Amino acid sequence: MPIESQQTGTSSQLQYQAAGHRVDFHVHCDAGDGGSLRTTTDSLSFSAGQQIRRGQDVETWNSVAIYAKQEVDGSLSLRIIIFHPDWDEPLQIACLRSRPQDASGQAASIECDLEHKHL
């Protein structure tokens, strides 16, 4: 699958769904023959696993998770967490934060914290 970077749309206003729920995150998931998903949501929890071998056993190990939500201060955060069977704790490898409610233009469009943090 190709790696894509794209803008999904622009507006000067925050977006809302019909029921009045904010559209904080856009999700596009392509799972090959398994299907695809496109949606908008106010929060997100995603995990992806892969088969690994431990001794004589093959198992599915959830290797990465993405969690997205609105924080108490109104900012939107998207955290990327990785998991390894030999580690005692998961590792956050990135936290991306945006502040779409800040119309002053003072905040960066997306703040990227790439410091690795054991959770």
N, C-alpha and C. Protein backbone atom coordinates (compact mmCIF):
# COMPACT_ATOMS: atom_id res chain seq x y z
N MET A 1 0.85 -1.18 0.00
CA MET A 1 0.00 0.00 0.00
C MET A 1 0.89 1.24 0.00
N PRO A 2 0.57 2.21 -0.81
CA PRO A 2 1.38 3.42 -0.86
C PRO A 2 1.19 4.27 0.40
N ILE A 3 2.24 4.97 0.77
CA ILE A 3 2.14 5.91 1.88
C ILE A 3 1.58 7.21 1.32
N GLU A 4 0.53 7.71 1.95
CA GLU A 4 -0.15 8.90 1.44
C GLU A 4 -0.14 10.00 2.49
N SER A 5 0.04 11.21 2.03
CA SER A 5 -0.12 12.39 2.86
C SER A 5 -1.05 13.31 2.10
N GLN A 6 -2.15 13.65 2.73
CA GLN A 6 -3.11 14.46 1.97
C GLN A 6 -3.95 15.31 2.89
N GLN A 7 -4.39 16.40 2.33
CA GLN A 7 -5.33 17.27 3.00
C GLN A 7 -6.72 16.75 2.66
N THR A 8 -7.59 16.62 3.66
CA THR A 8 -8.91 16.04 3.40
C THR A 8 -9.98 17.09 3.17
N GLY A 9 -9.68 18.36 3.36
CA GLY A 9 -10.67 19.40 3.13
C GLY A 9 -10.33 20.63 3.94
N THR A 10 -10.88 21.76 3.56
CA THR A 10 -10.64 22.99 4.29
C THR A 10 -11.95 23.69 4.57
N SER A 11 -11.94 24.46 5.65
CA SER A 11 -13.10 25.25 6.03
C SER A 11 -12.63 26.27 7.05
N SER A 12 -13.30 27.38 7.15
CA SER A 12 -12.96 28.36 8.18
C SER A 12 -13.71 28.07 9.48
N GLN A 13 -14.60 27.10 9.46
CA GLN A 13 -15.41 26.76 10.63
C GLN A 13 -15.14 25.32 11.07
N LEU A 14 -15.34 25.06 12.37
CA LEU A 14 -15.29 23.68 12.85
C LEU A 14 -16.43 22.91 12.21
N GLN A 15 -16.22 21.63 11.96
CA GLN A 15 -17.23 20.82 11.30
C GLN A 15 -18.05 20.03 12.33
N TYR A 16 -19.33 19.84 12.02
CA TYR A 16 -20.24 19.10 12.89
C TYR A 16 -21.01 18.08 12.07
N GLN A 17 -21.36 16.95 12.72
CA GLN A 17 -22.23 15.97 12.09
C GLN A 17 -23.67 16.43 12.27
N ALA A 18 -24.59 15.75 11.62
CA ALA A 18 -26.00 16.14 11.66
C ALA A 18 -26.55 16.20 13.07
N ALA A 19 -26.14 15.31 13.95
CA ALA A 19 -26.67 15.27 15.32
C ALA A 19 -26.00 16.30 16.23
N GLY A 20 -25.16 17.16 15.68
CA GLY A 20 -24.51 18.18 16.48
C GLY A 20 -23.18 17.76 17.07
N HIS A 21 -22.72 16.55 16.76
CA HIS A 21 -21.42 16.08 17.25
C HIS A 21 -20.31 16.66 16.39
N ARG A 22 -19.22 17.07 17.05
CA ARG A 22 -18.09 17.62 16.31
C ARG A 22 -17.40 16.54 15.48
N VAL A 23 -16.87 16.95 14.36
CA VAL A 23 -16.09 16.07 13.48
C VAL A 23 -14.63 16.42 13.74
N ASP A 24 -14.03 15.81 14.75
CA ASP A 24 -12.66 16.13 15.11
C ASP A 24 -11.64 15.36 14.28
N PHE A 25 -11.98 14.14 13.88
CA PHE A 25 -11.03 13.27 13.20
C PHE A 25 -11.67 12.64 11.98
N HIS A 26 -10.89 12.52 10.93
CA HIS A 26 -11.30 11.80 9.72
C HIS A 26 -10.52 10.50 9.70
N VAL A 27 -11.19 9.39 9.42
CA VAL A 27 -10.57 8.07 9.42
C VAL A 27 -10.73 7.44 8.05
N HIS A 28 -9.64 6.93 7.53
CA HIS A 28 -9.68 6.15 6.29
C HIS A 28 -8.81 4.93 6.53
N CYS A 29 -9.41 3.76 6.51
CA CYS A 29 -8.70 2.51 6.74
C CYS A 29 -8.94 1.60 5.54
N ASP A 30 -7.87 1.12 4.95
CA ASP A 30 -7.95 0.17 3.83
C ASP A 30 -7.33 -1.13 4.30
N ALA A 31 -8.14 -2.18 4.42
CA ALA A 31 -7.67 -3.48 4.91
C ALA A 31 -7.59 -4.50 3.78
N GLY A 32 -7.25 -4.05 2.59
CA GLY A 32 -7.11 -4.97 1.46
C GLY A 32 -8.40 -5.71 1.18
N ASP A 33 -8.31 -7.04 1.05
CA ASP A 33 -9.49 -7.85 0.77
C ASP A 33 -10.49 -7.85 1.92
N GLY A 34 -10.05 -7.43 3.12
CA GLY A 34 -10.94 -7.39 4.28
C GLY A 34 -11.93 -6.24 4.25
N GLY A 35 -11.70 -5.26 3.38
CA GLY A 35 -12.63 -4.15 3.28
C GLY A 35 -11.98 -2.83 3.62
N SER A 36 -12.80 -1.82 3.73
CA SER A 36 -12.30 -0.49 4.05
C SER A 36 -13.32 0.25 4.91
N LEU A 37 -12.85 1.33 5.51
CA LEU A 37 -13.69 2.15 6.38
C LEU A 37 -13.33 3.60 6.16
N ARG A 38 -14.34 4.42 5.97
CA ARG A 38 -14.18 5.87 5.92
C ARG A 38 -15.25 6.46 6.82
N THR A 39 -14.82 7.29 7.76
CA THR A 39 -15.79 7.89 8.66
C THR A 39 -15.21 9.15 9.28
N THR A 40 -16.04 9.89 9.97
CA THR A 40 -15.60 11.01 10.79
C THR A 40 -16.07 10.71 12.20
N THR A 41 -15.34 11.21 13.19
CA THR A 41 -15.66 10.87 14.57
C THR A 41 -15.07 11.91 15.52
N ASP A 42 -15.52 11.87 16.78
CA ASP A 42 -14.95 12.76 17.78
C ASP A 42 -13.88 12.09 18.63
N SER A 43 -13.67 10.77 18.45
CA SER A 43 -12.59 10.05 19.13
C SER A 43 -12.28 8.80 18.33
N LEU A 44 -11.11 8.21 18.61
CA LEU A 44 -10.66 7.08 17.82
C LEU A 44 -9.76 6.19 18.65
N SER A 45 -9.95 4.89 18.51
CA SER A 45 -9.05 3.89 19.08
C SER A 45 -8.83 2.85 18.00
N PHE A 46 -7.58 2.67 17.61
CA PHE A 46 -7.24 1.78 16.50
C PHE A 46 -6.05 0.93 16.92
N SER A 47 -6.09 -0.36 16.60
CA SER A 47 -4.92 -1.20 16.84
C SER A 47 -4.70 -2.10 15.64
N ALA A 48 -3.44 -2.46 15.42
CA ALA A 48 -3.08 -3.37 14.34
C ALA A 48 -2.13 -4.41 14.90
N GLY A 49 -2.41 -5.66 14.57
CA GLY A 49 -1.58 -6.75 15.04
C GLY A 49 -0.95 -7.50 13.89
N GLN A 50 0.03 -8.28 14.23
CA GLN A 50 0.70 -9.11 13.23
C GLN A 50 1.07 -10.42 13.88
N GLN A 51 1.23 -11.44 13.06
CA GLN A 51 1.61 -12.74 13.60
C GLN A 51 3.09 -12.74 13.97
N ILE A 52 3.37 -13.33 15.13
CA ILE A 52 4.75 -13.50 15.58
C ILE A 52 4.92 -14.94 16.05
N ARG A 53 6.15 -15.37 16.14
CA ARG A 53 6.44 -16.70 16.67
C ARG A 53 7.14 -16.53 18.01
N ARG A 54 6.64 -17.26 19.01
CA ARG A 54 7.29 -17.34 20.32
C ARG A 54 7.48 -18.81 20.61
N GLY A 55 8.74 -19.25 20.51
CA GLY A 55 9.01 -20.67 20.67
C GLY A 55 8.37 -21.44 19.54
N GLN A 56 7.54 -22.41 19.88
CA GLN A 56 6.85 -23.22 18.88
C GLN A 56 5.48 -22.65 18.51
N ASP A 57 5.06 -21.61 19.20
CA ASP A 57 3.72 -21.06 19.00
C ASP A 57 3.72 -19.83 18.11
N VAL A 58 2.69 -19.73 17.27
CA VAL A 58 2.45 -18.53 16.47
C VAL A 58 1.23 -17.84 17.07
N GLU A 59 1.35 -16.55 17.30
CA GLU A 59 0.24 -15.80 17.88
C GLU A 59 0.14 -14.44 17.20
N THR A 60 -1.00 -13.81 17.38
CA THR A 60 -1.17 -12.45 16.88
C THR A 60 -0.82 -11.49 18.00
N TRP A 61 0.05 -10.55 17.70
CA TRP A 61 0.50 -9.57 18.69
C TRP A 61 0.07 -8.19 18.20
N ASN A 62 -0.67 -7.46 19.03
CA ASN A 62 -1.03 -6.08 18.69
C ASN A 62 0.21 -5.22 18.83
N SER A 63 0.75 -4.76 17.70
CA SER A 63 2.03 -4.07 17.67
C SER A 63 1.92 -2.55 17.77
N VAL A 64 0.82 -2.00 17.29
CA VAL A 64 0.68 -0.55 17.27
C VAL A 64 -0.77 -0.17 17.59
N ALA A 65 -0.92 0.95 18.27
CA ALA A 65 -2.25 1.49 18.55
C ALA A 65 -2.22 2.99 18.32
N ILE A 66 -3.33 3.52 17.90
CA ILE A 66 -3.50 4.96 17.74
C ILE A 66 -4.73 5.36 18.54
N TYR A 67 -4.56 6.34 19.41
CA TYR A 67 -5.66 6.85 20.22
C TYR A 67 -5.81 8.33 19.92
N ALA A 68 -7.01 8.77 19.63
CA ALA A 68 -7.26 10.17 19.32
C ALA A 68 -8.48 10.64 20.11
N LYS A 69 -8.36 11.85 20.67
CA LYS A 69 -9.48 12.39 21.44
C LYS A 69 -9.30 13.89 21.62
N GLN A 70 -10.37 14.53 22.10
CA GLN A 70 -10.29 15.93 22.48
C GLN A 70 -9.83 15.99 23.93
N GLU A 71 -8.81 16.80 24.20
CA GLU A 71 -8.28 16.94 25.55
C GLU A 71 -9.10 17.96 26.35
N VAL A 72 -8.87 18.03 27.65
CA VAL A 72 -9.60 18.94 28.53
C VAL A 72 -9.46 20.39 28.08
N ASP A 73 -8.28 20.77 27.55
CA ASP A 73 -8.06 22.14 27.11
C ASP A 73 -8.66 22.44 25.73
N GLY A 74 -9.34 21.47 25.13
CA GLY A 74 -9.96 21.66 23.83
C GLY A 74 -9.10 21.24 22.66
N SER A 75 -7.83 20.99 22.90
CA SER A 75 -6.95 20.56 21.80
C SER A 75 -7.30 19.13 21.40
N LEU A 76 -6.91 18.77 20.19
CA LEU A 76 -7.11 17.41 19.69
C LEU A 76 -5.76 16.71 19.71
N SER A 77 -5.72 15.52 20.31
CA SER A 77 -4.46 14.78 20.37
C SER A 77 -4.61 13.44 19.67
N LEU A 78 -3.52 13.02 19.05
CA LEU A 78 -3.45 11.73 18.40
C LEU A 78 -2.14 11.10 18.86
N ARG A 79 -2.24 10.01 19.62
CA ARG A 79 -1.05 9.36 20.19
C ARG A 79 -0.80 8.04 19.49
N ILE A 80 0.46 7.78 19.16
CA ILE A 80 0.86 6.53 18.52
C ILE A 80 1.69 5.74 19.52
N ILE A 81 1.21 4.53 19.82
CA ILE A 81 1.82 3.67 20.84
C ILE A 81 2.26 2.37 20.18
N ILE A 82 3.47 1.90 20.53
CA ILE A 82 3.91 0.61 20.02
C ILE A 82 4.10 -0.36 21.18
N PHE A 83 3.91 -1.64 20.87
CA PHE A 83 3.98 -2.71 21.86
C PHE A 83 4.94 -3.78 21.35
N HIS A 84 5.68 -4.39 22.24
CA HIS A 84 6.63 -5.45 21.88
C HIS A 84 6.52 -6.55 22.94
N PRO A 85 6.51 -7.80 22.55
CA PRO A 85 6.33 -8.87 23.54
C PRO A 85 7.46 -8.96 24.56
N ASP A 86 8.63 -8.41 24.25
CA ASP A 86 9.75 -8.46 25.20
C ASP A 86 9.81 -7.25 26.12
N TRP A 87 8.91 -6.29 25.95
CA TRP A 87 8.92 -5.07 26.76
C TRP A 87 7.92 -5.19 27.90
N ASP A 88 8.26 -4.59 29.04
CA ASP A 88 7.34 -4.55 30.18
C ASP A 88 6.25 -3.50 29.99
N GLU A 89 6.56 -2.44 29.24
CA GLU A 89 5.63 -1.33 29.07
C GLU A 89 5.51 -0.95 27.59
N PRO A 90 4.35 -0.45 27.18
CA PRO A 90 4.24 0.09 25.83
C PRO A 90 5.05 1.38 25.72
N LEU A 91 5.32 1.81 24.49
CA LEU A 91 6.13 2.99 24.23
C LEU A 91 5.35 3.94 23.32
N GLN A 92 5.12 5.17 23.82
CA GLN A 92 4.52 6.20 22.97
C GLN A 92 5.63 6.78 22.11
N ILE A 93 5.48 6.70 20.79
CA ILE A 93 6.52 7.20 19.90
C ILE A 93 6.17 8.56 19.30
N ALA A 94 4.92 8.96 19.40
CA ALA A 94 4.54 10.27 18.88
C ALA A 94 3.23 10.73 19.50
N CYS A 95 3.13 12.03 19.68
CA CYS A 95 1.87 12.67 20.07
C CYS A 95 1.72 13.90 19.18
N LEU A 96 0.66 13.91 18.40
CA LEU A 96 0.37 15.02 17.50
C LEU A 96 -0.81 15.78 18.09
N ARG A 97 -0.68 17.10 18.16
CA ARG A 97 -1.72 17.91 18.80
C ARG A 97 -2.07 19.09 17.89
N SER A 98 -3.37 19.35 17.78
CA SER A 98 -3.84 20.51 17.02
C SER A 98 -4.85 21.28 17.86
N ARG A 99 -5.03 22.53 17.50
CA ARG A 99 -5.98 23.39 18.21
C ARG A 99 -6.88 24.10 17.19
N PRO A 100 -7.81 23.37 16.58
CA PRO A 100 -8.65 23.99 15.54
C PRO A 100 -9.57 25.07 16.08
N GLN A 101 -9.83 25.07 17.39
CA GLN A 101 -10.70 26.08 17.98
C GLN A 101 -9.98 27.41 18.16
N ASP A 102 -8.63 27.44 18.03
CA ASP A 102 -7.84 28.66 18.20
C ASP A 102 -7.82 29.43 16.88
N ALA A 103 -8.70 30.40 16.74
CA ALA A 103 -8.81 31.16 15.49
C ALA A 103 -7.79 32.29 15.40
N SER A 104 -6.97 32.47 16.43
CA SER A 104 -6.01 33.58 16.42
C SER A 104 -4.87 33.37 15.45
N GLY A 105 -4.63 32.12 15.06
CA GLY A 105 -3.52 31.83 14.17
C GLY A 105 -2.18 31.80 14.87
N GLN A 106 -2.17 31.90 16.20
CA GLN A 106 -0.92 31.91 16.96
C GLN A 106 -0.35 30.51 17.16
N ALA A 107 -1.21 29.50 17.22
CA ALA A 107 -0.75 28.14 17.48
C ALA A 107 -0.27 27.49 16.18
N ALA A 108 0.69 26.57 16.32
CA ALA A 108 1.14 25.79 15.16
C ALA A 108 -0.02 24.94 14.66
N SER A 109 -0.05 24.66 13.37
CA SER A 109 -1.16 23.86 12.83
C SER A 109 -1.19 22.48 13.48
N ILE A 110 -0.03 21.85 13.60
CA ILE A 110 0.09 20.58 14.32
C ILE A 110 1.39 20.60 15.10
N GLU A 111 1.31 20.35 16.40
CA GLU A 111 2.50 20.21 17.23
C GLU A 111 2.88 18.73 17.25
N CYS A 112 4.14 18.44 17.01
CA CYS A 112 4.61 17.05 16.96
C CYS A 112 5.59 16.80 18.10
N ASP A 113 5.20 15.97 19.05
CA ASP A 113 6.08 15.55 20.13
C ASP A 113 6.56 14.14 19.78
N LEU A 114 7.81 14.02 19.39
CA LEU A 114 8.37 12.73 18.98
C LEU A 114 9.24 12.10 20.06
N GLU A 115 9.17 12.66 21.28
CA GLU A 115 9.93 12.09 22.39
C GLU A 115 9.31 10.75 22.78
N HIS A 116 10.13 9.74 22.89
CA HIS A 116 9.63 8.41 23.26
C HIS A 116 9.35 8.39 24.76
N LYS A 117 8.16 7.89 25.12
CA LYS A 117 7.73 7.87 26.52
C LYS A 117 7.21 6.50 26.87
N HIS A 118 7.79 5.88 27.90
CA HIS A 118 7.27 4.60 28.39
C HIS A 118 5.98 4.87 29.15
N LEU A 119 4.98 4.07 28.90
CA LEU A 119 3.66 4.27 29.52
C LEU A 119 3.40 3.23 30.59
